[in-house]
Full PDB file with SEQRES, HELIX, SHEET, SSBOND, CRYST1, ORIGX, SCALE, CONECT and MASTER records, all heavy atoms in Angstrom:
SEQRES   1 A   37  TYR SER LEU PRO ASN ALA PRO THR LEU ALA ASP LEU GLU          
SEQRES   2 A   37  ASP ASP ALA GLU GLU ALA ASN GLU ASN GLN PRO GLU LYS          
SEQRES   3 A   37  PRO HIS PHE ASP SER ARG SER VAL LEU PHE GLU                  
HELIX    1 AA1 LEU A    9  LEU A   12  5                                   4    
CRYST1    1.000    1.000    1.000  90.00  90.00  90.00 P 1           1          
ORIGX1      1.000000  0.000000  0.000000        0.00000                         
ORIGX2      0.000000  1.000000  0.000000        0.00000                         
ORIGX3      0.000000  0.000000  1.000000        0.00000                         
SCALE1      1.000000  0.000000  0.000000        0.00000                         
SCALE2      0.000000  1.000000  0.000000        0.00000                         
SCALE3      0.000000  0.000000  1.000000        0.00000                         
ATOM      1  N   TYR A   1       6.708  14.384   2.454  1.00  0.00           N  
ATOM      2  CA  TYR A   1       7.284  15.602   3.000  1.00  0.00           C  
ATOM      3  C   TYR A   1       8.655  15.835   2.367  1.00  0.00           C  
ATOM      4  O   TYR A   1       9.265  14.911   1.835  1.00  0.00           O  
ATOM      5  CB  TYR A   1       7.423  15.512   4.524  1.00  0.00           C  
ATOM      6  CG  TYR A   1       6.136  15.159   5.225  1.00  0.00           C  
ATOM      7  CD1 TYR A   1       5.864  13.838   5.584  1.00  0.00           C  
ATOM      8  CD2 TYR A   1       5.184  16.132   5.519  1.00  0.00           C  
ATOM      9  CE1 TYR A   1       4.675  13.500   6.221  1.00  0.00           C  
ATOM     10  CE2 TYR A   1       3.987  15.801   6.150  1.00  0.00           C  
ATOM     11  CZ  TYR A   1       3.747  14.487   6.500  1.00  0.00           C  
ATOM     12  OH  TYR A   1       2.581  14.169   7.115  1.00  0.00           O  
ATOM     13  N   SER A   2       9.092  17.046   2.405  1.00  0.00           N  
ATOM     14  CA  SER A   2      10.385  17.387   1.799  1.00  0.00           C  
ATOM     15  C   SER A   2      11.527  17.217   2.791  1.00  0.00           C  
ATOM     16  O   SER A   2      12.503  17.948   2.756  1.00  0.00           O  
ATOM     17  CB  SER A   2      10.342  18.835   1.300  1.00  0.00           C  
ATOM     18  OG  SER A   2      10.056  19.721   2.377  1.00  0.00           O  
ATOM     19  N   LEU A   3      11.403  16.261   3.682  1.00  0.00           N  
ATOM     20  CA  LEU A   3      12.430  16.005   4.679  1.00  0.00           C  
ATOM     21  C   LEU A   3      13.127  14.694   4.372  1.00  0.00           C  
ATOM     22  O   LEU A   3      12.517  13.761   3.824  1.00  0.00           O  
ATOM     23  CB  LEU A   3      11.810  15.947   6.087  1.00  0.00           C  
ATOM     24  CG  LEU A   3      11.095  17.211   6.571  1.00  0.00           C  
ATOM     25  CD1 LEU A   3      10.433  16.936   7.912  1.00  0.00           C  
ATOM     26  CD2 LEU A   3      12.077  18.364   6.701  1.00  0.00           C  
ATOM     27  N   PRO A   4      14.392  14.571   4.711  1.00  0.00           N  
ATOM     28  CA  PRO A   4      15.076  13.288   4.503  1.00  0.00           C  
ATOM     29  C   PRO A   4      14.488  12.204   5.400  1.00  0.00           C  
ATOM     30  O   PRO A   4      14.077  12.460   6.540  1.00  0.00           O  
ATOM     31  CB  PRO A   4      16.532  13.596   4.889  1.00  0.00           C  
ATOM     32  CG  PRO A   4      16.452  14.811   5.753  1.00  0.00           C  
ATOM     33  CD  PRO A   4      15.284  15.613   5.272  1.00  0.00           C  
ATOM     34  N   ASN A   5      14.404  11.011   4.832  1.00  0.00           N  
ATOM     35  CA  ASN A   5      13.857   9.852   5.556  1.00  0.00           C  
ATOM     36  C   ASN A   5      12.403  10.053   5.976  1.00  0.00           C  
ATOM     37  O   ASN A   5      11.935   9.458   6.953  1.00  0.00           O  
ATOM     38  CB  ASN A   5      14.701   9.533   6.801  1.00  0.00           C  
ATOM     39  CG  ASN A   5      16.137   9.225   6.448  1.00  0.00           C  
ATOM     40  OD1 ASN A   5      16.416   8.609   5.415  1.00  0.00           O  
ATOM     41  ND2 ASN A   5      17.059   9.656   7.303  1.00  0.00           N  
ATOM     42  N   ALA A   6      11.690  10.909   5.254  1.00  0.00           N  
ATOM     43  CA  ALA A   6      10.278  11.123   5.556  1.00  0.00           C  
ATOM     44  C   ALA A   6       9.463   9.913   5.091  1.00  0.00           C  
ATOM     45  O   ALA A   6       9.870   9.185   4.180  1.00  0.00           O  
ATOM     46  CB  ALA A   6       9.785  12.400   4.875  1.00  0.00           C  
ATOM     47  N   PRO A   7       8.300   9.642   5.697  1.00  0.00           N  
ATOM     48  CA  PRO A   7       7.499   8.471   5.314  1.00  0.00           C  
ATOM     49  C   PRO A   7       6.920   8.619   3.913  1.00  0.00           C  
ATOM     50  O   PRO A   7       6.658   9.730   3.443  1.00  0.00           O  
ATOM     51  CB  PRO A   7       6.391   8.442   6.374  1.00  0.00           C  
ATOM     52  CG  PRO A   7       6.299   9.844   6.874  1.00  0.00           C  
ATOM     53  CD  PRO A   7       7.688  10.400   6.807  1.00  0.00           C  
ATOM     54  N   THR A   8       6.707   7.504   3.268  1.00  0.00           N  
ATOM     55  CA  THR A   8       6.097   7.454   1.954  1.00  0.00           C  
ATOM     56  C   THR A   8       4.807   6.649   2.033  1.00  0.00           C  
ATOM     57  O   THR A   8       4.485   6.058   3.077  1.00  0.00           O  
ATOM     58  CB  THR A   8       7.042   6.814   0.932  1.00  0.00           C  
ATOM     59  OG1 THR A   8       7.278   5.458   1.332  1.00  0.00           O  
ATOM     60  CG2 THR A   8       8.368   7.568   0.871  1.00  0.00           C  
ATOM     61  N   LEU A   9       4.069   6.603   0.908  1.00  0.00           N  
ATOM     62  CA  LEU A   9       2.842   5.807   0.888  1.00  0.00           C  
ATOM     63  C   LEU A   9       3.145   4.329   1.098  1.00  0.00           C  
ATOM     64  O   LEU A   9       2.349   3.604   1.697  1.00  0.00           O  
ATOM     65  CB  LEU A   9       2.129   6.010  -0.449  1.00  0.00           C  
ATOM     66  CG  LEU A   9       1.447   7.368  -0.656  1.00  0.00           C  
ATOM     67  CD1 LEU A   9       0.881   7.458  -2.066  1.00  0.00           C  
ATOM     68  CD2 LEU A   9       0.342   7.580   0.366  1.00  0.00           C  
ATOM     69  N   ALA A  10       4.294   3.897   0.632  1.00  0.00           N  
ATOM     70  CA  ALA A  10       4.662   2.485   0.803  1.00  0.00           C  
ATOM     71  C   ALA A  10       4.839   2.116   2.274  1.00  0.00           C  
ATOM     72  O   ALA A  10       4.664   0.956   2.657  1.00  0.00           O  
ATOM     73  CB  ALA A  10       5.936   2.181   0.027  1.00  0.00           C  
ATOM     74  N   ASP A  11       5.177   3.099   3.103  1.00  0.00           N  
ATOM     75  CA  ASP A  11       5.335   2.826   4.533  1.00  0.00           C  
ATOM     76  C   ASP A  11       4.009   2.557   5.226  1.00  0.00           C  
ATOM     77  O   ASP A  11       3.980   2.097   6.377  1.00  0.00           O  
ATOM     78  CB  ASP A  11       6.033   4.014   5.216  1.00  0.00           C  
ATOM     79  CG  ASP A  11       7.453   4.195   4.705  1.00  0.00           C  
ATOM     80  OD1 ASP A  11       8.100   3.183   4.391  1.00  0.00           O  
ATOM     81  OD2 ASP A  11       7.912   5.359   4.611  1.00  0.00           O  
ATOM     82  N   LEU A  12       2.904   2.842   4.554  1.00  0.00           N  
ATOM     83  CA  LEU A  12       1.587   2.625   5.145  1.00  0.00           C  
ATOM     84  C   LEU A  12       1.069   1.217   4.915  1.00  0.00           C  
ATOM     85  O   LEU A  12      -0.045   0.897   5.313  1.00  0.00           O  
ATOM     86  CB  LEU A  12       0.580   3.632   4.565  1.00  0.00           C  
ATOM     87  CG  LEU A  12       0.905   5.114   4.791  1.00  0.00           C  
ATOM     88  CD1 LEU A  12      -0.123   5.992   4.078  1.00  0.00           C  
ATOM     89  CD2 LEU A  12       0.925   5.444   6.276  1.00  0.00           C  
ATOM     90  N   GLU A  13       1.858   0.385   4.257  1.00  0.00           N  
ATOM     91  CA  GLU A  13       1.421  -0.966   3.955  1.00  0.00           C  
ATOM     92  C   GLU A  13       1.182  -1.754   5.235  1.00  0.00           C  
ATOM     93  O   GLU A  13       1.964  -1.695   6.177  1.00  0.00           O  
ATOM     94  CB  GLU A  13       2.474  -1.687   3.102  1.00  0.00           C  
ATOM     95  CG  GLU A  13       2.498  -1.229   1.660  1.00  0.00           C  
ATOM     96  CD  GLU A  13       1.209  -1.552   0.933  1.00  0.00           C  
ATOM     97  OE1 GLU A  13       0.560  -2.562   1.265  1.00  0.00           O  
ATOM     98  OE2 GLU A  13       0.835  -0.783   0.030  1.00  0.00           O  
ATOM     99  N   ASP A  14       0.067  -2.473   5.243  1.00  0.00           N  
ATOM    100  CA  ASP A  14      -0.268  -3.338   6.369  1.00  0.00           C  
ATOM    101  C   ASP A  14      -0.544  -4.725   5.808  1.00  0.00           C  
ATOM    102  O   ASP A  14      -1.629  -5.015   5.314  1.00  0.00           O  
ATOM    103  CB  ASP A  14      -1.506  -2.805   7.111  1.00  0.00           C  
ATOM    104  CG  ASP A  14      -1.801  -3.592   8.381  1.00  0.00           C  
ATOM    105  OD1 ASP A  14      -0.996  -4.476   8.725  1.00  0.00           O  
ATOM    106  OD2 ASP A  14      -2.832  -3.322   9.026  1.00  0.00           O  
ATOM    107  N   ASP A  15       0.460  -5.581   5.864  1.00  0.00           N  
ATOM    108  CA  ASP A  15       0.323  -6.919   5.299  1.00  0.00           C  
ATOM    109  C   ASP A  15      -0.624  -7.798   6.108  1.00  0.00           C  
ATOM    110  O   ASP A  15      -0.992  -8.881   5.673  1.00  0.00           O  
ATOM    111  CB  ASP A  15       1.685  -7.602   5.207  1.00  0.00           C  
ATOM    112  CG  ASP A  15       2.598  -6.908   4.197  1.00  0.00           C  
ATOM    113  OD1 ASP A  15       2.052  -6.309   3.244  1.00  0.00           O  
ATOM    114  OD2 ASP A  15       3.833  -6.942   4.378  1.00  0.00           O  
ATOM    115  N   ALA A  16      -1.009  -7.327   7.287  1.00  0.00           N  
ATOM    116  CA  ALA A  16      -1.934  -8.129   8.093  1.00  0.00           C  
ATOM    117  C   ALA A  16      -3.328  -8.163   7.474  1.00  0.00           C  
ATOM    118  O   ALA A  16      -4.104  -9.076   7.720  1.00  0.00           O  
ATOM    119  CB  ALA A  16      -2.016  -7.562   9.511  1.00  0.00           C  
ATOM    120  N   GLU A  17      -3.651  -7.146   6.654  1.00  0.00           N  
ATOM    121  CA  GLU A  17      -4.965  -7.093   6.027  1.00  0.00           C  
ATOM    122  C   GLU A  17      -4.908  -7.870   4.714  1.00  0.00           C  
ATOM    123  O   GLU A  17      -4.521  -7.359   3.676  1.00  0.00           O  
ATOM    124  CB  GLU A  17      -5.384  -5.649   5.777  1.00  0.00           C  
ATOM    125  CG  GLU A  17      -5.564  -4.843   7.044  1.00  0.00           C  
ATOM    126  CD  GLU A  17      -6.043  -3.433   6.734  1.00  0.00           C  
ATOM    127  OE1 GLU A  17      -6.255  -3.128   5.533  1.00  0.00           O  
ATOM    128  OE2 GLU A  17      -6.211  -2.655   7.680  1.00  0.00           O  
ATOM    129  N   GLU A  18      -5.265  -9.114   4.763  1.00  0.00           N  
ATOM    130  CA  GLU A  18      -5.255  -9.952   3.574  1.00  0.00           C  
ATOM    131  C   GLU A  18      -6.668 -10.066   3.012  1.00  0.00           C  
ATOM    132  O   GLU A  18      -7.654  -9.711   3.652  1.00  0.00           O  
ATOM    133  CB  GLU A  18      -4.711 -11.348   3.930  1.00  0.00           C  
ATOM    134  CG  GLU A  18      -3.269 -11.317   4.405  1.00  0.00           C  
ATOM    135  CD  GLU A  18      -2.300 -10.866   3.327  1.00  0.00           C  
ATOM    136  OE1 GLU A  18      -2.650 -10.974   2.137  1.00  0.00           O  
ATOM    137  OE2 GLU A  18      -1.195 -10.406   3.681  1.00  0.00           O  
ATOM    138  N   ALA A  19      -6.747 -10.580   1.811  1.00  0.00           N  
ATOM    139  CA  ALA A  19      -8.047 -10.738   1.159  1.00  0.00           C  
ATOM    140  C   ALA A  19      -8.840 -11.848   1.834  1.00  0.00           C  
ATOM    141  O   ALA A  19      -8.288 -12.822   2.341  1.00  0.00           O  
ATOM    142  CB  ALA A  19      -7.844 -11.069  -0.319  1.00  0.00           C  
ATOM    143  N   ASN A  20     -10.158 -11.694   1.837  1.00  0.00           N  
ATOM    144  CA  ASN A  20     -11.032 -12.731   2.351  1.00  0.00           C  
ATOM    145  C   ASN A  20     -11.973 -13.189   1.246  1.00  0.00           C  
ATOM    146  O   ASN A  20     -11.850 -12.784   0.097  1.00  0.00           O  
ATOM    147  CB  ASN A  20     -11.818 -12.217   3.569  1.00  0.00           C  
ATOM    148  CG  ASN A  20     -12.530 -10.905   3.282  1.00  0.00           C  
ATOM    149  OD1 ASN A  20     -13.176 -10.761   2.239  1.00  0.00           O  
ATOM    150  ND2 ASN A  20     -12.403  -9.950   4.197  1.00  0.00           N  
ATOM    151  N   GLU A  21     -12.922 -14.040   1.626  1.00  0.00           N  
ATOM    152  CA  GLU A  21     -13.808 -14.616   0.625  1.00  0.00           C  
ATOM    153  C   GLU A  21     -14.707 -13.554  -0.002  1.00  0.00           C  
ATOM    154  O   GLU A  21     -15.075 -13.663  -1.167  1.00  0.00           O  
ATOM    155  CB  GLU A  21     -14.649 -15.716   1.266  1.00  0.00           C  
ATOM    156  CG  GLU A  21     -13.817 -16.888   1.771  1.00  0.00           C  
ATOM    157  CD  GLU A  21     -14.678 -17.951   2.422  1.00  0.00           C  
ATOM    158  OE1 GLU A  21     -15.903 -17.710   2.533  1.00  0.00           O  
ATOM    159  OE2 GLU A  21     -14.139 -18.991   2.812  1.00  0.00           O  
ATOM    160  N   ASN A  22     -15.114 -12.556   0.768  1.00  0.00           N  
ATOM    161  CA  ASN A  22     -16.054 -11.558   0.280  1.00  0.00           C  
ATOM    162  C   ASN A  22     -15.379 -10.344  -0.342  1.00  0.00           C  
ATOM    163  O   ASN A  22     -16.057  -9.515  -0.941  1.00  0.00           O  
ATOM    164  CB  ASN A  22     -16.959 -11.093   1.433  1.00  0.00           C  
ATOM    165  CG  ASN A  22     -17.750 -12.232   2.037  1.00  0.00           C  
ATOM    166  OD1 ASN A  22     -18.178 -13.140   1.320  1.00  0.00           O  
ATOM    167  ND2 ASN A  22     -17.935 -12.196   3.354  1.00  0.00           N  
ATOM    168  N   GLN A  23     -14.102 -10.203  -0.202  1.00  0.00           N  
ATOM    169  CA  GLN A  23     -13.390  -9.010  -0.690  1.00  0.00           C  
ATOM    170  C   GLN A  23     -12.092  -9.429  -1.354  1.00  0.00           C  
ATOM    171  O   GLN A  23     -11.336 -10.231  -0.808  1.00  0.00           O  
ATOM    172  CB  GLN A  23     -13.098  -8.064   0.485  1.00  0.00           C  
ATOM    173  CG  GLN A  23     -12.593  -6.696   0.044  1.00  0.00           C  
ATOM    174  CD  GLN A  23     -13.704  -5.751  -0.350  1.00  0.00           C  
ATOM    175  OE1 GLN A  23     -14.706  -6.178  -0.879  1.00  0.00           O  
ATOM    176  NE2 GLN A  23     -13.525  -4.475  -0.092  1.00  0.00           N  
ATOM    177  N   PRO A  24     -11.821  -8.897  -2.549  1.00  0.00           N  
ATOM    178  CA  PRO A  24     -10.557  -9.233  -3.213  1.00  0.00           C  
ATOM    179  C   PRO A  24      -9.372  -8.609  -2.493  1.00  0.00           C  
ATOM    180  O   PRO A  24      -9.522  -7.759  -1.609  1.00  0.00           O  
ATOM    181  CB  PRO A  24     -10.732  -8.639  -4.620  1.00  0.00           C  
ATOM    182  CG  PRO A  24     -11.761  -7.571  -4.448  1.00  0.00           C  
ATOM    183  CD  PRO A  24     -12.671  -8.029  -3.354  1.00  0.00           C  
ATOM    184  N   GLU A  25      -8.194  -9.031  -2.896  1.00  0.00           N  
ATOM    185  CA  GLU A  25      -6.980  -8.501  -2.276  1.00  0.00           C  
ATOM    186  C   GLU A  25      -6.842  -7.011  -2.549  1.00  0.00           C  
ATOM    187  O   GLU A  25      -7.035  -6.551  -3.671  1.00  0.00           O  
ATOM    188  CB  GLU A  25      -5.759  -9.231  -2.832  1.00  0.00           C  
ATOM    189  CG  GLU A  25      -4.446  -8.769  -2.214  1.00  0.00           C  
ATOM    190  CD  GLU A  25      -3.249  -9.441  -2.842  1.00  0.00           C  
ATOM    191  OE1 GLU A  25      -3.461 -10.307  -3.718  1.00  0.00           O  
ATOM    192  OE2 GLU A  25      -2.108  -9.099  -2.462  1.00  0.00           O  
ATOM    193  N   LYS A  26      -6.527  -6.272  -1.512  1.00  0.00           N  
ATOM    194  CA  LYS A  26      -6.449  -4.820  -1.636  1.00  0.00           C  
ATOM    195  C   LYS A  26      -5.172  -4.412  -2.369  1.00  0.00           C  
ATOM    196  O   LYS A  26      -4.160  -5.115  -2.319  1.00  0.00           O  
ATOM    197  CB  LYS A  26      -6.496  -4.171  -0.248  1.00  0.00           C  
ATOM    198  CG  LYS A  26      -7.820  -4.368   0.461  1.00  0.00           C  
ATOM    199  CD  LYS A  26      -7.863  -3.653   1.795  1.00  0.00           C  
ATOM    200  CE  LYS A  26      -9.215  -3.849   2.475  1.00  0.00           C  
ATOM    201  NZ  LYS A  26      -9.288  -3.142   3.777  1.00  0.00           N  
ATOM    202  N   PRO A  27      -5.224  -3.262  -3.044  1.00  0.00           N  
ATOM    203  CA  PRO A  27      -4.014  -2.780  -3.735  1.00  0.00           C  
ATOM    204  C   PRO A  27      -2.922  -2.421  -2.738  1.00  0.00           C  
ATOM    205  O   PRO A  27      -3.160  -2.227  -1.540  1.00  0.00           O  
ATOM    206  CB  PRO A  27      -4.521  -1.529  -4.475  1.00  0.00           C  
ATOM    207  CG  PRO A  27      -6.004  -1.672  -4.541  1.00  0.00           C  
ATOM    208  CD  PRO A  27      -6.399  -2.420  -3.316  1.00  0.00           C  
ATOM    209  N   HIS A  28      -1.714  -2.324  -3.257  1.00  0.00           N  
ATOM    210  CA  HIS A  28      -0.557  -1.971  -2.448  1.00  0.00           C  
ATOM    211  C   HIS A  28       0.030  -0.661  -2.943  1.00  0.00           C  
ATOM    212  O   HIS A  28       0.013  -0.364  -4.140  1.00  0.00           O  
ATOM    213  CB  HIS A  28       0.503  -3.076  -2.499  1.00  0.00           C  
ATOM    214  CG  HIS A  28       0.008  -4.405  -2.024  1.00  0.00           C  
ATOM    215  ND1 HIS A  28      -0.105  -4.730  -0.693  1.00  0.00           N  
ATOM    216  CD2 HIS A  28      -0.421  -5.494  -2.711  1.00  0.00           C  
ATOM    217  CE1 HIS A  28      -0.572  -5.958  -0.572  1.00  0.00           C  
ATOM    218  NE2 HIS A  28      -0.778  -6.447  -1.783  1.00  0.00           N  
ATOM    219  N   PHE A  29       0.562   0.121  -2.016  1.00  0.00           N  
ATOM    220  CA  PHE A  29       1.189   1.390  -2.380  1.00  0.00           C  
ATOM    221  C   PHE A  29       2.604   1.192  -2.929  1.00  0.00           C  
ATOM    222  O   PHE A  29       3.157   2.098  -3.535  1.00  0.00           O  
ATOM    223  CB  PHE A  29       1.240   2.325  -1.166  1.00  0.00           C  
ATOM    224  CG  PHE A  29      -0.119   2.848  -0.766  1.00  0.00           C  
ATOM    225  CD1 PHE A  29      -0.683   2.487   0.439  1.00  0.00           C  
ATOM    226  CD2 PHE A  29      -0.813   3.721  -1.589  1.00  0.00           C  
ATOM    227  CE1 PHE A  29      -1.930   2.977   0.814  1.00  0.00           C  
ATOM    228  CE2 PHE A  29      -2.052   4.214  -1.227  1.00  0.00           C  
ATOM    229  CZ  PHE A  29      -2.622   3.837  -0.020  1.00  0.00           C  
ATOM    230  N   ASP A  30       3.174   0.015  -2.682  1.00  0.00           N  
ATOM    231  CA  ASP A  30       4.536  -0.218  -3.165  1.00  0.00           C  
ATOM    232  C   ASP A  30       4.500  -0.760  -4.593  1.00  0.00           C  
ATOM    233  O   ASP A  30       3.472  -0.685  -5.284  1.00  0.00           O  
ATOM    234  CB  ASP A  30       5.281  -1.154  -2.212  1.00  0.00           C  
ATOM    235  CG  ASP A  30       4.530  -2.450  -1.978  1.00  0.00           C  
ATOM    236  OD1 ASP A  30       3.709  -2.827  -2.848  1.00  0.00           O  
ATOM    237  OD2 ASP A  30       4.741  -3.102  -0.935  1.00  0.00           O  
ATOM    238  N   SER A  31       5.597  -1.324  -5.045  1.00  0.00           N  
ATOM    239  CA  SER A  31       5.732  -1.749  -6.434  1.00  0.00           C  
ATOM    240  C   SER A  31       4.877  -2.960  -6.794  1.00  0.00           C  
ATOM    241  O   SER A  31       4.807  -3.334  -7.970  1.00  0.00           O  
ATOM    242  CB  SER A  31       7.204  -2.060  -6.734  1.00  0.00           C  
ATOM    243  OG  SER A  31       7.684  -3.085  -5.866  1.00  0.00           O  
ATOM    244  N   ARG A  32       4.222  -3.581  -5.808  1.00  0.00           N  
ATOM    245  CA  ARG A  32       3.373  -4.723  -6.119  1.00  0.00           C  
ATOM    246  C   ARG A  32       2.141  -4.324  -6.925  1.00  0.00           C  
ATOM    247  O   ARG A  32       1.533  -5.156  -7.602  1.00  0.00           O  
ATOM    248  CB  ARG A  32       2.953  -5.424  -4.827  1.00  0.00           C  
ATOM    249  CG  ARG A  32       4.051  -6.220  -4.166  1.00  0.00           C  
ATOM    250  CD  ARG A  32       3.605  -6.800  -2.841  1.00  0.00           C  
ATOM    251  NE  ARG A  32       3.431  -5.774  -1.817  1.00  0.00           N  
ATOM    252  CZ  ARG A  32       3.011  -6.021  -0.576  1.00  0.00           C  
ATOM    253  NH1 ARG A  32       2.696  -7.262  -0.228  1.00  0.00           N  
ATOM    254  NH2 ARG A  32       2.907  -5.042   0.308  1.00  0.00           N  
ATOM    255  N   SER A  33       1.725  -3.061  -6.829  1.00  0.00           N  
ATOM    256  CA  SER A  33       0.582  -2.558  -7.583  1.00  0.00           C  
ATOM    257  C   SER A  33       0.965  -1.262  -8.283  1.00  0.00           C  
ATOM    258  O   SER A  33       1.869  -0.548  -7.836  1.00  0.00           O  
ATOM    259  CB  SER A  33      -0.621  -2.303  -6.653  1.00  0.00           C  
ATOM    260  OG  SER A  33      -1.017  -3.475  -5.975  1.00  0.00           O  
ATOM    261  N   VAL A  34       0.264  -0.970  -9.377  1.00  0.00           N  
ATOM    262  CA  VAL A  34       0.447   0.283 -10.100  1.00  0.00           C  
ATOM    263  C   VAL A  34      -0.891   1.006 -10.083  1.00  0.00           C  
ATOM    264  O   VAL A  34      -1.914   0.441 -10.493  1.00  0.00           O  
ATOM    265  CB  VAL A  34       0.932   0.051 -11.541  1.00  0.00           C  
ATOM    266  CG1 VAL A  34       1.298   1.387 -12.182  1.00  0.00           C  
ATOM    267  CG2 VAL A  34       2.095  -0.898 -11.557  1.00  0.00           C  
ATOM    268  N   LEU A  35      -0.896   2.245  -9.594  1.00  0.00           N  
ATOM    269  CA  LEU A  35      -2.130   2.989  -9.329  1.00  0.00           C  
ATOM    270  C   LEU A  35      -2.185   4.247 -10.175  1.00  0.00           C  
ATOM    271  O   LEU A  35      -1.241   5.038 -10.186  1.00  0.00           O  
ATOM    272  CB  LEU A  35      -2.213   3.353  -7.842  1.00  0.00           C  
ATOM    273  CG  LEU A  35      -1.770   2.270  -6.845  1.00  0.00           C  
ATOM    274  CD1 LEU A  35      -1.648   2.851  -5.446  1.00  0.00           C  
ATOM    275  CD2 LEU A  35      -2.760   1.106  -6.865  1.00  0.00           C  
ATOM    276  N   PHE A  36      -3.319   4.449 -10.863  1.00  0.00           N  
ATOM    277  CA  PHE A  36      -3.523   5.646 -11.677  1.00  0.00           C  
ATOM    278  C   PHE A  36      -4.843   6.305 -11.272  1.00  0.00           C  
ATOM    279  O   PHE A  36      -5.854   5.618 -11.073  1.00  0.00           O  
ATOM    280  CB  PHE A  36      -3.542   5.302 -13.165  1.00  0.00           C  
ATOM    281  CG  PHE A  36      -2.230   4.795 -13.683  1.00  0.00           C  
ATOM    282  CD1 PHE A  36      -1.987   3.429 -13.756  1.00  0.00           C  
ATOM    283  CD2 PHE A  36      -1.244   5.673 -14.087  1.00  0.00           C  
ATOM    284  CE1 PHE A  36      -0.776   2.953 -14.225  1.00  0.00           C  
ATOM    285  CE2 PHE A  36      -0.020   5.209 -14.558  1.00  0.00           C  
ATOM    286  CZ  PHE A  36       0.212   3.841 -14.619  1.00  0.00           C  
ATOM    287  N   GLU A  37      -4.813   7.613 -11.154  1.00  0.00           N  
ATOM    288  CA  GLU A  37      -5.973   8.369 -10.677  1.00  0.00           C  
ATOM    289  C   GLU A  37      -6.952   8.633 -11.811  1.00  0.00           C  
ATOM    290  O   GLU A  37      -6.635   9.316 -12.782  1.00  0.00           O  
ATOM    291  CB  GLU A  37      -5.521   9.691 -10.056  1.00  0.00           C  
ATOM    292  CG  GLU A  37      -6.664  10.541  -9.520  1.00  0.00           C  
ATOM    293  CD  GLU A  37      -6.185  11.866  -8.942  1.00  0.00           C  
ATOM    294  OE1 GLU A  37      -5.094  11.875  -8.325  1.00  0.00           O  
ATOM    295  OE2 GLU A  37      -6.859  12.880  -9.126  1.00  0.00           O  
TER     296      GLU A  37                                                      
MASTER        0    0    0    1    0    0    0    6  295    1    0    3          
END                                                                             
C-alpha cells in the first residue's frame, strides 16, 4: 500500500512452518530467498 509503515510481503513470513520429510523448505518473501515470476 502507499501508506507509511504499511505491511510488506516480508511481514507475512511464518517461521513456524518449517520443512518436513515430504516437502522441501518453503521460499521466503524476505532476503533469504530471491523470487522471479
